[in-house]
Amino acid sequence: MSFAELKNNRAVAAQLKPLLQSGKLVHAFLFVGGKESRLQMGKALAEAILCESPEDGDACGSCLSCRKFSHGNHEDYLYVDLETAPGNAKTQIGVDAVEALQEQLKLKPFGKRHAAVIEEAHLLNTAAQNKLLKTLEEPAGDSVLILLAEKREALLPTVVSRCSTYYLEEDSEAPDEEMLQLAKDFLAVCAQRPLFFPRRDCLKPLLEEKNDPRAKASAFLACLQMLMRDALLYPYGAKTSPLSDGWDAFGMICEKMDRDALNRAIAAAEEAGRSVRLGYNTGYTLKKLCLDL
C-alpha cells in the first residue's frame, strides 16, 4: 500500500511526503479517522518508511523491503490491534501488548528502523497508554510509532501531545453507477415541479462523484429531513413530496407511520446534520443516527 494507491486523503499524504524525503521524521504519528482510511494511511506510511528506494517520498513498491511488506512478512514492521493483543479481554488493549511491543522495539532492526502500527489505539486502556509514554518520550533508535484511532478524545493528552496528529476524511467507495443513474432519472422526471426545486438542489451533491464525503453526508441528511417532514404533513393534505408518480405508494407508507416516531426521527436527523457541520466524524454520526432511528 503506497500513498499513490490511497483512495482518499491525498492532501494528508502530500504533507507526509516532504518529511520522508528530508528524512526528518517525527517519532510518533497519530491518524484519526474511519477504520479503512486510517489503516490505509498507516500502512502506506509504514511501507514508505521501510522502503529501500523511496520515490518522491513514497514507497517504490518493487524493492525487497516493499515486496516483503506487501506479502506481510517484513521483519521490521510491527503491528498491534485488539485481535492480536495478548490476554483474554477483547474490549481493551492492555499493558501486556505495549510491553511486548517495547521488547520488539529494543531488538536491532534488519534495516534502518522499525515501523510499528497500533491500530485501534483508542482502545488502549489507561495503564497501557501510560506505559506507551516511555516509548514516546524515549524512542528506541530511529523507530517510528504510528497510532491509528477512531477518536482522539479516547487518548490521554500526554499521549496526543507527543504525536504529530492528522485527521482523515471519511471512508468512501466508488459511486454506484446504477444508483447514480437512478438518481439522475429521478431528477429528470421531477425537474419541472416547482415544489421540488429545494429537494433537487439538496440532491445535487450526491450526484457529484468528486464531492467530499462530508458534503454528501450533509446533502443526504437534508433530503432525509425533507422526506420525513413530507411524511409528517401528508395526513393533513400537504402533497409536497417529489415522488411524482410514486405519490400513492408514498402515501400508503406515510399512513402506517407513527407521528411521534417521525418527530423523533426528524430531531435525530437535525442533530446529525449539526454534528456533520461542526466537523464531527461523519461515519460515527451516521451510525449513531441509524441506531437512534
Protein backbone atom coordinates (compact mmCIF):
# COMPACT_ATOMS: atom_id res chain seq x y z
CA MET A 1 0.00 0.00 0.00
CA SER A 2 1.64 3.22 -1.20
CA PHE A 3 0.42 6.81 -0.96
CA ALA A 4 -0.29 6.67 -4.70
CA GLU A 5 -2.82 3.88 -4.08
CA LEU A 6 -4.83 5.80 -1.50
CA LYS A 7 -8.46 6.42 -2.43
CA ASN A 8 -8.82 9.33 -0.03
CA ASN A 9 -6.71 11.75 1.99
CA ARG A 10 -4.26 12.66 -0.76
CA ALA A 11 -3.77 16.03 0.96
CA VAL A 12 -2.50 14.31 4.12
CA ALA A 13 -0.18 12.15 2.02
CA ALA A 14 1.15 15.31 0.36
CA GLN A 15 2.08 16.67 3.82
CA LEU A 16 3.88 13.47 4.77
CA LYS A 17 5.98 13.06 1.62
CA PRO A 18 8.31 16.04 2.28
CA LEU A 19 9.05 14.64 5.75
CA LEU A 20 10.04 11.31 4.22
CA GLN A 21 12.12 12.99 1.53
CA SER A 22 14.00 15.10 4.05
CA GLY A 23 14.47 12.22 6.47
CA LYS A 24 13.21 14.45 9.28
CA LEU A 25 10.54 12.11 10.58
CA VAL A 26 8.96 12.57 13.98
CA HIS A 27 8.98 9.50 16.21
CA ALA A 28 5.20 9.22 16.56
CA PHE A 29 2.21 9.85 14.30
CA LEU A 30 -1.48 9.78 15.19
CA PHE A 31 -4.08 9.31 12.45
CA VAL A 32 -7.69 9.88 13.48
CA GLY A 33 -10.50 8.64 11.23
CA GLY A 34 -12.55 5.72 9.96
CA LYS A 35 -11.10 2.22 10.09
CA GLU A 36 -10.36 1.77 6.38
CA SER A 37 -8.90 5.24 5.91
CA ARG A 38 -6.62 5.10 8.93
CA LEU A 39 -5.42 1.56 8.13
CA GLN A 40 -4.59 2.54 4.57
CA MET A 41 -2.74 5.67 5.69
CA GLY A 42 -0.88 3.84 8.47
CA LYS A 43 0.28 1.06 6.17
CA ALA A 44 1.23 3.50 3.40
CA LEU A 45 3.38 5.49 5.81
CA ALA A 46 4.97 2.37 7.30
CA GLU A 47 5.84 0.98 3.87
CA ALA A 48 7.32 4.33 2.78
CA ILE A 49 9.40 4.49 5.99
CA LEU A 50 10.81 0.99 5.41
CA CYS A 51 11.29 1.31 1.63
CA GLU A 52 14.89 0.92 0.45
CA SER A 53 14.44 3.07 -2.67
CA PRO A 54 11.70 5.63 -1.98
CA GLU A 55 10.49 7.75 -4.89
CA ASP A 56 9.37 11.31 -4.14
CA GLY A 57 8.58 10.42 -0.55
CA ASP A 58 6.59 7.31 -1.44
CA ALA A 59 7.31 3.58 -1.39
CA CYS A 60 8.75 2.30 -4.67
CA GLY A 61 6.74 -0.93 -4.47
CA SER A 62 9.48 -3.04 -6.06
CA CYS A 63 12.45 -3.21 -3.66
CA LEU A 64 12.94 -6.21 -1.36
CA SER A 65 11.51 -4.29 1.59
CA CYS A 66 8.34 -3.34 -0.31
CA ARG A 67 7.87 -6.89 -1.56
CA LYS A 68 8.18 -8.23 1.98
CA PHE A 69 5.73 -5.61 3.20
CA SER A 70 3.14 -6.48 0.55
CA HIS A 71 3.50 -10.19 1.42
CA GLY A 72 3.01 -9.47 5.13
CA ASN A 73 6.38 -10.81 6.31
CA HIS A 74 8.54 -7.71 6.85
CA GLU A 75 10.75 -8.21 9.91
CA ASP A 76 10.82 -4.52 10.84
CA TYR A 77 7.08 -3.93 10.54
CA LEU A 78 5.35 -4.38 13.91
CA TYR A 79 1.57 -4.41 14.29
CA VAL A 80 -0.72 -4.36 17.31
CA ASP A 81 -4.52 -4.35 17.43
CA LEU A 82 -7.30 -5.63 19.67
CA GLU A 83 -7.41 -9.03 18.00
CA THR A 84 -3.67 -9.73 18.19
CA ALA A 85 -3.15 -8.23 21.66
CA PRO A 86 -2.31 -10.77 24.41
CA GLY A 87 -4.87 -11.53 27.09
CA ASN A 88 -8.42 -12.80 27.14
CA ALA A 89 -10.25 -9.48 27.41
CA LYS A 90 -11.19 -8.30 23.94
CA THR A 91 -12.66 -4.91 24.77
CA GLN A 92 -9.39 -3.10 25.53
CA ILE A 93 -5.73 -3.30 24.57
CA GLY A 94 -3.84 -3.82 27.81
CA VAL A 95 -0.39 -3.10 29.15
CA ASP A 96 0.87 -6.57 28.12
CA ALA A 97 0.50 -5.64 24.45
CA VAL A 98 2.54 -2.45 24.92
CA GLU A 99 5.24 -4.28 26.88
CA ALA A 100 5.52 -6.91 24.13
CA LEU A 101 5.85 -4.16 21.53
CA GLN A 102 8.53 -2.40 23.57
CA GLU A 103 10.56 -5.62 23.77
CA GLN A 104 10.41 -5.97 19.99
CA LEU A 105 11.50 -2.37 19.51
CA LYS A 106 14.58 -3.00 21.65
CA LEU A 107 15.84 -5.53 19.11
CA LYS A 108 18.13 -4.31 16.36
CA PRO A 109 16.15 -3.82 13.13
CA PHE A 110 17.12 -5.72 9.98
CA GLY A 111 17.00 -2.45 8.05
CA LYS A 112 17.37 1.15 9.17
CA ARG A 113 14.49 1.23 11.64
CA HIS A 114 11.30 -0.34 12.93
CA ALA A 115 7.86 0.94 11.92
CA ALA A 116 5.21 0.00 14.49
CA VAL A 117 1.47 0.44 13.92
CA ILE A 118 -1.00 0.40 16.81
CA GLU A 119 -4.46 0.03 15.30
CA GLU A 120 -7.48 0.86 17.48
CA ALA A 121 -5.26 2.97 19.73
CA HIS A 122 -8.45 4.43 21.21
CA LEU A 123 -8.92 1.02 22.90
CA LEU A 124 -5.64 1.22 24.81
CA ASN A 125 -6.53 1.27 28.50
CA THR A 126 -5.05 3.89 30.82
CA ALA A 127 -2.26 1.64 32.08
CA ALA A 128 -1.27 0.74 28.52
CA GLN A 129 -1.21 4.39 27.47
CA ASN A 130 0.93 5.35 30.45
CA LYS A 131 3.29 2.50 29.60
CA LEU A 132 3.43 3.70 25.99
CA LEU A 133 4.53 7.15 27.15
CA LYS A 134 8.00 5.83 27.92
CA THR A 135 8.45 4.77 24.30
CA LEU A 136 7.04 8.06 23.04
CA GLU A 137 9.43 10.02 25.26
CA GLU A 138 12.47 7.80 24.67
CA PRO A 139 12.09 6.09 21.27
CA ALA A 140 14.23 3.06 20.56
CA GLY A 141 16.73 4.13 17.92
CA ASP A 142 15.06 5.57 14.83
CA SER A 143 11.86 3.58 15.30
CA VAL A 144 8.58 5.25 14.32
CA LEU A 145 5.26 4.65 16.09
CA ILE A 146 2.04 5.06 14.11
CA LEU A 147 -1.12 5.25 16.22
CA LEU A 148 -4.47 4.77 14.48
CA ALA A 149 -7.58 5.86 16.37
CA GLU A 150 -11.27 6.42 15.79
CA LYS A 151 -11.33 9.39 18.16
CA ARG A 152 -8.58 11.46 19.70
CA GLU A 153 -10.53 12.08 22.91
CA ALA A 154 -10.04 8.44 23.99
CA LEU A 155 -6.28 9.01 24.28
CA LEU A 156 -4.53 10.69 27.19
CA PRO A 157 -3.50 14.31 26.49
CA THR A 158 0.09 13.33 27.32
CA VAL A 159 0.00 10.70 24.55
CA VAL A 160 -1.58 13.04 21.99
CA SER A 161 0.89 15.83 22.76
CA ARG A 162 3.81 13.58 21.81
CA CYS A 163 2.35 12.65 18.42
CA SER A 164 2.06 14.50 15.15
CA THR A 165 -1.70 14.32 14.60
CA TYR A 166 -3.58 14.14 11.29
CA TYR A 167 -7.35 13.97 10.81
CA LEU A 168 -8.55 11.81 7.95
CA GLU A 169 -11.58 12.17 5.72
CA GLU A 170 -14.26 9.52 5.90
CA ASP A 171 -14.01 6.23 4.08
CA SER A 172 -15.70 6.37 0.69
CA GLU A 173 -16.42 3.98 -2.10
CA ALA A 174 -16.61 4.38 -5.84
CA PRO A 175 -20.06 5.67 -6.86
CA ASP A 176 -22.71 3.05 -7.56
CA GLU A 177 -23.38 3.60 -11.26
CA GLU A 178 -26.87 2.08 -11.09
CA MET A 179 -27.90 4.29 -8.18
CA LEU A 180 -26.28 7.29 -9.85
CA GLN A 181 -28.35 6.74 -12.99
CA LEU A 182 -31.50 6.19 -10.94
CA ALA A 183 -30.96 9.50 -9.16
CA LYS A 184 -30.37 11.27 -12.48
CA ASP A 185 -33.58 9.80 -13.94
CA PHE A 186 -35.41 10.83 -10.78
CA LEU A 187 -34.22 14.42 -11.20
CA ALA A 188 -35.18 14.43 -14.87
CA VAL A 189 -38.77 13.39 -14.06
CA CYS A 190 -39.16 15.91 -11.25
CA ALA A 191 -37.24 18.84 -12.72
CA GLN A 192 -40.38 20.73 -13.76
CA ARG A 193 -42.12 20.51 -10.38
CA PRO A 194 -41.70 23.91 -8.60
CA LEU A 195 -42.01 22.43 -5.13
CA PHE A 196 -39.23 20.02 -5.94
CA PHE A 197 -36.57 22.68 -6.51
CA PRO A 198 -35.21 22.67 -2.92
CA ARG A 199 -35.16 18.87 -2.92
CA ARG A 200 -33.44 18.80 -6.28
CA ASP A 201 -30.80 21.23 -5.00
CA CYS A 202 -30.09 19.17 -1.89
CA LEU A 203 -29.68 16.04 -4.02
CA LYS A 204 -27.11 17.60 -6.34
CA PRO A 205 -24.09 16.96 -4.07
CA LEU A 206 -24.98 13.26 -4.02
CA LEU A 207 -24.55 13.14 -7.79
CA GLU A 208 -21.15 14.81 -7.82
CA GLU A 209 -18.67 11.95 -7.98
CA LYS A 210 -15.78 14.15 -6.84
CA ASN A 211 -17.64 15.78 -3.98
CA ASP A 212 -16.24 15.27 -0.47
CA PRO A 213 -17.87 12.76 1.92
CA ARG A 214 -18.84 15.44 4.46
CA ALA A 215 -20.81 17.36 1.81
CA LYS A 216 -22.51 14.15 0.69
CA ALA A 217 -23.48 13.35 4.28
CA SER A 218 -24.95 16.85 4.75
CA ALA A 219 -26.91 16.53 1.49
CA PHE A 220 -28.22 13.10 2.45
CA LEU A 221 -29.35 14.33 5.88
CA ALA A 222 -31.06 17.39 4.36
CA CYS A 223 -33.01 15.18 1.93
CA LEU A 224 -33.89 12.76 4.72
CA GLN A 225 -35.30 15.59 6.83
CA MET A 226 -37.39 16.90 3.91
CA LEU A 227 -38.80 13.47 3.16
CA MET A 228 -39.71 12.83 6.80
CA ARG A 229 -41.40 16.24 7.05
CA ASP A 230 -43.41 15.39 3.92
CA ALA A 231 -44.47 12.16 5.62
CA LEU A 232 -45.44 14.07 8.77
CA LEU A 233 -47.61 16.55 6.82
CA TYR A 234 -49.23 14.02 4.48
CA PRO A 235 -52.28 13.25 6.69
CA TYR A 236 -53.13 16.97 6.68
CA GLY A 237 -53.35 17.17 2.91
CA ALA A 238 -49.89 18.59 2.19
CA LYS A 239 -48.69 16.98 -1.03
CA THR A 240 -45.23 18.40 -1.48
CA SER A 241 -43.31 15.17 -1.94
CA PRO A 242 -41.03 14.98 -5.01
CA LEU A 243 -42.03 11.39 -5.64
CA SER A 244 -44.29 12.32 -8.58
CA ASP A 245 -45.83 9.11 -9.94
CA GLY A 246 -44.91 7.32 -6.72
CA TRP A 247 -47.12 9.60 -4.61
CA ASP A 248 -49.78 6.94 -3.92
CA ALA A 249 -47.18 4.46 -2.67
CA PHE A 250 -45.60 7.19 -0.57
CA GLY A 251 -48.98 7.99 0.94
CA MET A 252 -49.60 4.36 1.88
CA ILE A 253 -46.27 4.28 3.71
CA CYS A 254 -47.00 7.57 5.48
CA GLU A 255 -50.34 6.32 6.79
CA LYS A 256 -48.58 3.48 8.61
CA MET A 257 -46.00 5.72 10.28
CA ASP A 258 -46.18 6.70 13.94
CA ARG A 259 -46.27 10.51 14.28
CA ASP A 260 -44.22 10.60 17.49
CA ALA A 261 -41.59 8.33 15.94
CA LEU A 262 -41.41 10.63 12.90
CA ASN A 263 -40.91 13.69 15.11
CA ARG A 264 -38.12 11.91 16.99
CA ALA A 265 -36.53 10.83 13.70
CA ILE A 266 -36.62 14.39 12.34
CA ALA A 267 -34.99 15.70 15.52
CA ALA A 268 -32.32 12.99 15.32
CA ALA A 269 -31.59 13.84 11.67
CA GLU A 270 -31.32 17.55 12.52
CA GLU A 271 -28.87 16.77 15.34
CA ALA A 272 -26.82 14.58 12.98
CA GLY A 273 -26.73 17.41 10.44
CA ARG A 274 -25.39 19.81 13.08
CA SER A 275 -22.73 17.29 14.10
CA VAL A 276 -21.54 16.92 10.50
CA ARG A 277 -21.40 20.71 10.02
CA LEU A 278 -19.39 21.07 13.25
CA GLY A 279 -16.78 18.64 11.94
CA TYR A 280 -17.62 15.52 13.93
CA ASN A 281 -16.68 12.12 12.48
CA THR A 282 -19.34 11.58 9.79
CA GLY A 283 -19.14 7.79 9.88
CA TYR A 284 -19.78 7.73 13.63
CA THR A 285 -22.54 10.35 13.29
CA LEU A 286 -24.43 8.38 10.63
CA LYS A 287 -24.06 5.13 12.58
CA LYS A 288 -25.48 6.85 15.68
CA LEU A 289 -28.38 8.19 13.60
CA CYS A 290 -29.19 4.67 12.37
CA LEU A 291 -29.26 3.43 15.95
CA ASP A 292 -31.44 6.36 17.04
CA LEU A 293 -33.90 5.69 14.22
